[in-house]
Protein backbone atom coordinates (compact mmCIF):
# COMPACT_ATOMS: atom_id res chain seq x y z
CA MET A 1 -10.11 -10.19 17.40
CA ALA A 2 -8.69 -12.93 15.20
CA SER A 3 -5.64 -13.88 13.17
CA VAL A 4 -6.09 -14.67 9.47
CA THR A 5 -4.21 -17.32 7.52
CA LEU A 6 -4.54 -17.98 3.79
CA LYS A 7 -3.00 -21.13 2.32
CA ALA A 8 -2.47 -21.59 -1.42
CA ILE A 9 -5.54 -19.61 -2.49
CA ASN A 10 -6.36 -19.98 -6.20
CA LYS A 11 -9.22 -18.31 -8.05
CA ARG A 12 -10.15 -18.22 -11.74
CA PHE A 13 -12.90 -16.40 -13.60
CA GLY A 14 -13.19 -18.36 -16.84
CA ASN A 15 -9.77 -18.20 -18.51
CA ILE A 16 -8.59 -15.37 -16.25
CA VAL A 17 -6.41 -16.27 -13.27
CA ALA A 18 -7.46 -13.83 -10.54
CA LEU A 19 -5.34 -15.36 -7.74
CA SER A 20 -2.47 -17.82 -7.93
CA ARG A 21 -1.29 -19.72 -4.84
CA VAL A 22 -1.61 -16.81 -2.42
CA ASP A 23 -0.20 -17.45 1.06
CA LEU A 24 -0.66 -14.87 3.80
CA HIS A 25 -0.73 -14.65 7.59
CA VAL A 26 -2.13 -11.64 9.48
CA GLU A 27 -1.48 -11.55 13.21
CA ASP A 28 -4.19 -10.82 15.77
CA GLY A 29 -4.47 -7.03 16.07
CA GLU A 30 -2.39 -6.30 12.95
CA PHE A 31 -3.23 -3.68 10.31
CA CYS A 32 -2.45 -5.44 7.02
CA VAL A 33 -2.70 -3.58 3.70
CA LEU A 34 -3.20 -5.31 0.33
CA LEU A 35 -1.57 -3.00 -2.22
CA GLY A 36 -1.44 -3.24 -5.98
CA PRO A 37 -2.71 -1.84 -9.30
CA SER A 38 -6.28 -2.34 -10.48
CA GLY A 39 -6.98 -5.93 -11.46
CA CYS A 40 -4.21 -7.46 -9.34
CA GLY A 41 -6.67 -9.56 -7.28
CA LYS A 42 -6.63 -7.69 -3.98
CA SER A 43 -10.41 -7.10 -3.77
CA THR A 44 -11.07 -10.68 -4.88
CA LEU A 45 -8.86 -11.87 -2.03
CA LEU A 46 -10.74 -9.68 0.45
CA ASN A 47 -14.08 -11.08 -0.76
CA ILE A 48 -12.77 -14.64 -0.34
CA ILE A 49 -11.77 -13.87 3.27
CA ALA A 50 -15.27 -12.48 3.86
CA GLY A 51 -16.91 -15.53 2.28
CA LEU A 52 -18.60 -13.49 -0.45
CA ILE A 53 -16.68 -15.38 -3.16
CA PRO A 54 -15.58 -19.04 -2.90
CA GLN A 55 -11.98 -19.85 -3.77
CA ASP A 56 -11.27 -22.65 -6.25
CA GLU A 57 -8.44 -24.08 -4.15
CA GLY A 58 -6.81 -23.36 -0.81
CA THR A 59 -7.96 -22.67 2.72
CA VAL A 60 -8.99 -19.64 4.79
CA LEU A 61 -8.42 -19.89 8.54
CA LEU A 62 -9.53 -17.53 11.31
CA ASP A 63 -7.68 -18.12 14.57
CA GLY A 64 -6.32 -21.32 13.04
CA GLN A 65 -9.78 -22.75 12.29
CA PRO A 66 -10.91 -23.36 8.67
CA VAL A 67 -13.94 -21.24 7.71
CA ASP A 68 -14.30 -22.32 4.07
CA ARG A 69 -17.68 -23.92 4.70
CA LEU A 70 -19.04 -20.99 6.74
CA ALA A 71 -21.34 -18.35 5.28
CA PRO A 72 -20.25 -14.66 5.53
CA ARG A 73 -22.57 -14.11 8.51
CA GLU A 74 -21.05 -17.05 10.37
CA ARG A 75 -17.47 -15.85 9.92
CA ASP A 76 -18.08 -12.80 12.16
CA VAL A 77 -16.32 -10.30 9.91
CA ALA A 78 -17.37 -6.74 9.11
CA MET A 79 -16.75 -5.18 5.70
CA VAL A 80 -16.56 -1.50 4.73
CA PHE A 81 -17.06 -0.86 1.02
CA GLN A 82 -15.83 1.90 -1.28
CA SER A 83 -19.45 2.98 -1.89
CA TYR A 84 -20.23 3.24 1.89
CA ALA A 85 -23.41 1.11 1.34
CA LEU A 86 -25.57 3.06 3.79
CA TYR A 87 -29.36 2.68 3.84
CA PRO A 88 -30.61 6.02 2.44
CA HIS A 89 -34.01 5.89 4.19
CA MET A 90 -32.47 5.32 7.64
CA THR A 91 -30.93 7.84 10.02
CA VAL A 92 -27.32 7.52 11.14
CA SER A 93 -28.51 5.95 14.40
CA GLN A 94 -30.64 3.40 12.52
CA ASN A 95 -27.80 2.59 10.13
CA LEU A 96 -25.46 1.96 13.06
CA SER A 97 -27.92 -0.25 14.92
CA PHE A 98 -29.27 -2.21 11.95
CA GLY A 99 -26.80 -5.09 12.11
CA LEU A 100 -27.31 -5.49 15.85
CA ARG A 101 -31.09 -5.51 15.47
CA MET A 102 -30.82 -8.23 12.81
CA ARG A 103 -28.83 -10.31 15.29
CA ALA A 104 -31.49 -9.78 17.98
CA VAL A 105 -29.10 -8.01 20.36
CA PRO A 106 -31.03 -6.65 23.40
CA LYS A 107 -32.13 -3.02 23.00
CA PRO A 108 -30.16 -1.68 26.02
CA ASP A 109 -26.98 -3.22 24.59
CA ILE A 110 -27.71 -1.78 21.15
CA HIS A 111 -28.20 1.70 22.60
CA LYS A 112 -24.99 1.48 24.62
CA ARG A 113 -22.84 0.20 21.74
CA VAL A 114 -24.23 2.71 19.24
CA LEU A 115 -23.47 5.61 21.61
CA GLU A 116 -19.96 4.30 22.34
CA THR A 117 -19.22 3.94 18.63
CA ALA A 118 -20.63 7.37 17.77
CA ARG A 119 -18.51 8.94 20.53
CA LEU A 120 -15.41 7.11 19.29
CA LEU A 121 -15.92 8.44 15.75
CA GLY A 122 -17.09 11.91 16.76
CA ILE A 123 -20.50 11.64 15.07
CA GLU A 124 -22.79 12.04 18.12
CA ASP A 125 -24.37 15.17 16.63
CA LEU A 126 -25.24 13.40 13.37
CA MET A 127 -27.41 10.63 14.78
CA ASP A 128 -30.75 11.98 13.46
CA ARG A 129 -29.49 12.82 9.98
CA LYS A 130 -29.92 10.68 6.87
CA PRO A 131 -27.02 9.86 4.51
CA ARG A 132 -28.05 12.48 1.93
CA GLU A 133 -27.51 15.16 4.60
CA LEU A 134 -23.93 14.09 5.28
CA SER A 135 -20.60 14.98 3.66
CA GLY A 136 -18.38 12.30 2.17
CA GLY A 137 -16.18 12.19 5.27
CA GLN A 138 -19.21 11.91 7.55
CA ARG A 139 -20.65 9.07 5.46
CA GLN A 140 -17.33 7.28 5.69
CA ARG A 141 -17.35 7.59 9.48
CA VAL A 142 -20.87 6.15 9.60
CA ALA A 143 -19.83 3.25 7.37
CA MET A 144 -16.89 2.60 9.69
CA GLY A 145 -19.19 2.89 12.70
CA ARG A 146 -21.60 0.29 11.31
CA ALA A 147 -18.68 -2.14 11.20
CA LEU A 148 -17.26 -1.14 14.59
CA VAL A 149 -20.53 -1.40 16.49
CA ARG A 150 -20.74 -5.11 15.77
CA GLN A 151 -17.39 -5.78 17.49
CA PRO A 152 -16.44 -8.46 14.93
CA LYS A 153 -13.39 -10.70 14.88
CA LEU A 154 -12.06 -9.08 11.71
CA PHE A 155 -12.46 -5.79 9.81
CA LEU A 156 -12.21 -5.86 6.00
CA LEU A 157 -11.94 -2.48 4.22
CA ASP A 158 -12.15 -2.26 0.42
CA GLU A 159 -10.70 1.08 -0.77
CA PRO A 160 -12.86 3.01 1.71
CA LEU A 161 -11.21 6.40 1.10
CA SER A 162 -11.12 6.49 -2.71
CA ASN A 163 -14.29 8.63 -3.00
CA LEU A 164 -12.88 11.38 -0.76
CA ASP A 165 -10.93 14.42 -1.94
CA ALA A 166 -7.18 14.53 -1.26
CA ARG A 167 -7.35 16.75 1.83
CA LEU A 168 -10.16 14.76 3.46
CA ARG A 169 -8.46 11.48 2.56
CA SER A 170 -5.36 12.58 4.47
CA SER A 171 -7.46 13.53 7.50
CA VAL A 172 -9.43 10.27 7.54
CA ARG A 173 -6.18 8.28 7.19
CA LEU A 174 -5.01 9.76 10.49
CA GLU A 175 -8.36 8.94 12.09
CA LEU A 176 -8.13 5.33 10.89
CA LYS A 177 -4.65 4.97 12.38
CA ARG A 178 -5.83 6.44 15.69
CA LEU A 179 -8.91 4.23 15.64
CA HIS A 180 -6.84 1.09 15.09
CA ARG A 181 -4.67 1.91 18.09
CA GLN A 182 -7.76 2.34 20.24
CA ILE A 183 -9.70 -0.78 19.22
CA LYS A 184 -6.60 -2.97 18.65
CA GLY A 185 -8.57 -4.79 15.96
CA THR A 186 -7.37 -6.99 13.12
CA ILE A 187 -7.78 -5.09 9.85
CA VAL A 188 -7.22 -6.17 6.25
CA TYR A 189 -7.30 -3.06 4.06
CA VAL A 190 -7.33 -2.91 0.24
CA THR A 191 -5.91 0.07 -1.65
CA HIS A 192 -4.06 1.01 -4.84
CA ASP A 193 -2.68 4.12 -3.11
CA GLN A 194 0.87 3.57 -1.89
CA VAL A 195 0.67 6.55 0.49
CA GLU A 196 -2.27 4.92 2.29
CA ALA A 197 -0.41 1.61 2.39
CA MET A 198 2.82 3.06 3.74
CA THR A 199 1.17 5.27 6.39
CA LEU A 200 -1.49 2.84 7.63
CA GLY A 201 -0.05 -0.66 7.41
CA ASP A 202 1.84 -2.60 10.04
CA SER A 203 2.53 -4.91 7.11
CA VAL A 204 2.05 -4.39 3.37
CA VAL A 205 1.28 -7.11 0.82
CA VAL A 206 2.27 -5.98 -2.68
CA MET A 207 0.33 -7.83 -5.39
CA ARG A 208 0.42 -8.02 -9.16
CA ASP A 209 -1.44 -10.27 -11.62
CA GLY A 210 -2.96 -12.34 -8.83
CA LYS A 211 0.37 -13.09 -7.15
CA VAL A 212 2.02 -11.78 -3.99
CA ARG A 213 5.29 -10.06 -4.88
CA GLN A 214 6.44 -9.04 -1.38
CA ILE A 215 5.15 -9.03 2.21
CA ASP A 216 6.97 -6.94 4.79
CA ARG A 217 6.89 -3.82 6.92
CA PRO A 218 6.42 -0.61 4.87
CA GLU A 219 9.91 0.70 5.58
CA THR A 220 11.51 -2.61 4.55
CA ILE A 221 9.56 -2.76 1.29
CA TYR A 222 10.71 0.76 0.47
CA ALA A 223 14.35 0.18 1.43
CA ARG A 224 14.72 -3.37 0.04
CA PRO A 225 12.16 -4.05 -2.71
CA SER A 226 12.16 -7.69 -3.75
CA ASP A 227 11.92 -7.06 -7.50
CA THR A 228 11.75 -4.33 -10.11
CA PHE A 229 7.92 -4.13 -10.00
CA VAL A 230 7.90 -3.42 -6.26
CA ALA A 231 10.84 -1.04 -6.65
CA THR A 232 9.04 1.16 -9.19
CA PHE A 233 5.52 0.78 -7.75
CA ILE A 234 6.55 2.00 -4.28
CA GLY A 235 7.88 5.55 -4.14
CA SER A 236 6.84 8.85 -5.70
CA PRO A 237 8.47 9.84 -7.97
CA GLU A 238 9.31 6.26 -8.78
CA MET A 239 12.79 4.80 -8.62
CA ASN A 240 15.17 5.52 -11.51
CA LEU A 241 15.76 2.13 -13.13
CA TYR A 242 18.37 1.36 -15.78
CA GLN A 243 19.23 -1.65 -17.91
CA GLY A 244 22.95 -2.27 -18.18
CA ARG A 245 25.85 -4.57 -17.57
CA LEU A 246 27.76 -5.38 -14.41
CA MET A 247 31.50 -5.68 -15.09
CA ARG A 248 34.78 -5.53 -13.22
CA LYS A 249 37.51 -2.97 -13.75
CA ASP A 250 40.71 -3.47 -11.81
CA GLY A 251 38.85 -5.99 -9.64
CA ARG A 252 36.12 -3.45 -8.73
CA PRO A 253 32.47 -3.76 -9.78
CA HIS A 254 31.11 -1.20 -12.25
CA PHE A 255 27.72 -0.70 -13.79
CA GLN A 256 27.81 0.23 -17.46
CA GLY A 257 24.59 1.90 -18.49
CA SER A 258 23.50 3.55 -21.73
CA GLY A 259 25.98 6.40 -21.99
CA PHE A 260 27.14 6.43 -18.36
CA SER A 261 29.14 4.31 -15.91
CA LEU A 262 28.89 4.00 -12.13
CA ASP A 263 31.59 2.69 -9.78
CA LEU A 264 30.06 0.23 -7.28
CA VAL A 265 33.14 -0.21 -5.10
CA GLY A 266 32.26 -1.56 -1.66
CA LEU A 267 29.22 -3.54 -2.76
CA GLN A 268 29.29 -7.29 -2.13
CA LEU A 269 27.64 -8.84 -5.20
CA ASN A 270 27.23 -12.55 -5.87
CA LEU A 271 26.88 -12.00 -9.61
CA LYS A 272 30.30 -11.61 -11.23
CA GLU A 273 29.42 -10.16 -14.63
CA GLY A 274 26.32 -9.93 -16.77
CA GLU A 275 23.14 -8.06 -17.55
CA VAL A 276 21.52 -6.38 -14.54
CA GLU A 277 19.15 -3.54 -13.69
CA LEU A 278 20.29 -0.72 -11.42
CA GLY A 279 17.87 1.37 -9.39
CA ILE A 280 18.45 4.72 -7.65
CA ARG A 281 15.78 6.57 -5.68
CA PRO A 282 15.52 10.32 -6.42
CA GLU A 283 16.35 11.22 -2.81
CA ASP A 284 19.55 9.11 -2.84
CA ILE A 285 21.27 11.31 -5.43
CA GLU A 286 23.19 14.40 -4.32
CA ILE A 287 24.03 17.47 -6.36
CA GLY A 288 27.76 18.18 -6.52
CA GLN A 289 31.01 16.31 -6.24
CA GLY A 290 31.48 13.96 -3.29
CA ARG A 291 33.54 11.06 -2.09
CA ALA A 292 31.39 8.61 -4.02
CA MET A 293 31.45 8.23 -7.79
CA ALA A 294 30.25 11.40 -9.53
CA LEU A 295 28.11 11.55 -12.66
CA GLN A 296 27.07 14.35 -14.95
CA ALA A 297 23.50 15.02 -16.03
CA LYS A 298 21.88 17.62 -18.28
CA VAL A 299 18.85 19.41 -16.80
CA GLU A 300 15.67 19.22 -18.90
CA MET A 301 13.03 20.67 -16.53
CA LEU A 302 12.07 21.19 -12.87
CA SER A 303 8.93 20.14 -11.00
CA ASN A 304 7.99 22.29 -8.01
CA VAL A 305 5.83 20.43 -5.45
CA GLY A 306 6.02 23.08 -2.71
CA SER A 307 8.19 21.61 0.02
CA GLU A 308 10.79 20.39 -2.49
CA LYS A 309 11.65 20.26 -6.19
CA TYR A 310 12.47 17.50 -8.62
CA VAL A 311 15.06 17.91 -11.34
CA HIS A 312 14.30 15.93 -14.50
CA ALA A 313 17.55 15.44 -16.35
CA ARG A 314 19.31 13.32 -18.96
CA LEU A 315 21.95 10.86 -17.71
CA GLY A 316 23.78 9.56 -20.77
CA GLN A 317 20.87 8.39 -22.94
CA GLU A 318 18.54 7.79 -19.98
CA GLY A 319 16.09 9.94 -18.06
CA LEU A 320 16.84 10.77 -14.41
CA THR A 321 14.81 12.31 -11.57
CA VAL A 322 16.60 13.91 -8.60
CA ARG A 323 15.01 15.38 -5.45
CA VAL A 324 16.50 18.76 -4.51
CA PRO A 325 15.72 21.45 -1.88
CA LYS A 326 12.87 23.86 -2.64
CA ASP A 327 15.28 26.80 -3.04
CA ALA A 328 17.42 25.02 -5.66
CA ALA A 329 17.70 26.88 -8.97
CA PHE A 330 18.69 25.19 -12.23
CA GLN A 331 18.16 26.07 -15.86
CA PRO A 332 17.23 23.72 -18.72
CA GLY A 333 20.37 22.73 -20.56
CA GLN A 334 22.60 23.18 -17.49
CA VAL A 335 25.04 20.33 -16.81
CA ILE A 336 25.21 19.38 -13.13
CA PRO A 337 27.50 16.99 -11.23
CA LEU A 338 25.79 14.23 -9.26
CA THR A 339 27.05 11.98 -6.50
CA VAL A 340 25.66 8.51 -5.84
CA ASP A 341 26.61 6.42 -2.83
CA PRO A 342 27.03 2.83 -4.13
CA HIS A 343 25.51 1.51 -0.90
CA ARG A 344 22.25 3.32 -1.74
CA VAL A 345 21.74 1.70 -5.15
CA HIS A 346 19.56 -1.34 -5.83
CA ILE A 347 20.78 -4.13 -8.11
CA PHE A 348 18.37 -6.56 -9.80
CA HIS A 349 19.12 -9.59 -11.95
CA GLU A 350 16.36 -10.91 -14.20
CA GLY A 351 13.93 -8.70 -12.27
CA LEU A 352 14.85 -10.03 -8.80
CA ARG A 353 16.86 -8.24 -6.13
CA LEU A 354 20.47 -9.25 -5.60
């Protein structure tokens, strides 16, 4: 396996800036996820690592060695595409062995590695079938197997689960995690699905408009988002975010929103007074009076997602989403007291975390 280092990667397509000074380091054996909305540059970055697209500026290093002048074949990376890219006229066995045959690997070695890979992925009984005879999940396993059988330095996966239905996607996610633990390979994985990113990644790289907004462990990105884009992009439902003003009353910090005020006593803030944005995750709001500052919100509707419910309410002149237990019962128009722990709120100034 190999480590990956990107230094100041820039890429333009005409007048469009696809990537702007991207720096990234992926440790040997790490599962790194590139996460962001469509058009943020994550697939372009993956193709640059693979050597399929040349960068305009910057350097790609594998194990500390520059590979900018090497062709994709010489970089010893394996890529799994969203479309699976299987040869329709070949059997599963032939698809798995094709790359090895092109590299003139001895036949006994090919046979051994194909069987080992098929056993690892649980597709031994599919070896004589052709892709048209396989389900979506089976095709995805074969596509993964074609990459695994080569035993490359680096695995690159470009939204490999997006063609699967929700239930199968969840199942294959677990298989991918198990597979990574077994092979201990270095994986760079592209997705726009935050659930995939948070469940699969050892580290997550959040991107937007060709720039890296935050790199960290999934739990850190969720708990301490670096800016308002990351804060609202990560989490479902997304974070409640309010424009307002930070002020001091009797020496204590308060947030004055549109039609509501929140006491932030106990928070250590460097900004004395001024315009800020305040974020509260739906699960960090409690129904009822508590020790922390209480608010009042007017219920508009409820969303039932099975294991829990979400109350959609009006806080002052702003919308608010609160996670509540599945047996909670509220009526539209009902006014409910809410408690917010100041230590659970997120404060941003000019879009950046304080």
